[in-house]
Amino acid sequence: MIPRFTSKLRSEQVAAKLGLWLGVSFTVAFATGLFSHFLQHPPAWSKPDA
């Protein structure tokens, strides 16, 4: 017989919440990275004509 894991840390709810928080954190990191990049290197179309 194969032993079963009975810990609450291995439940579907924990996996779903962990996946959600990982997705949110990656999205926030990506968005802030893009924001930082465009602050340091603005696109040519956004620069005023000199």
Foldseek 3Di string as FASTA:
>chain_A
DDDDDPDPCPDPVVVVVVVVVVVVVVVVVVVVVVVVVCVVPPDPVPDDDD
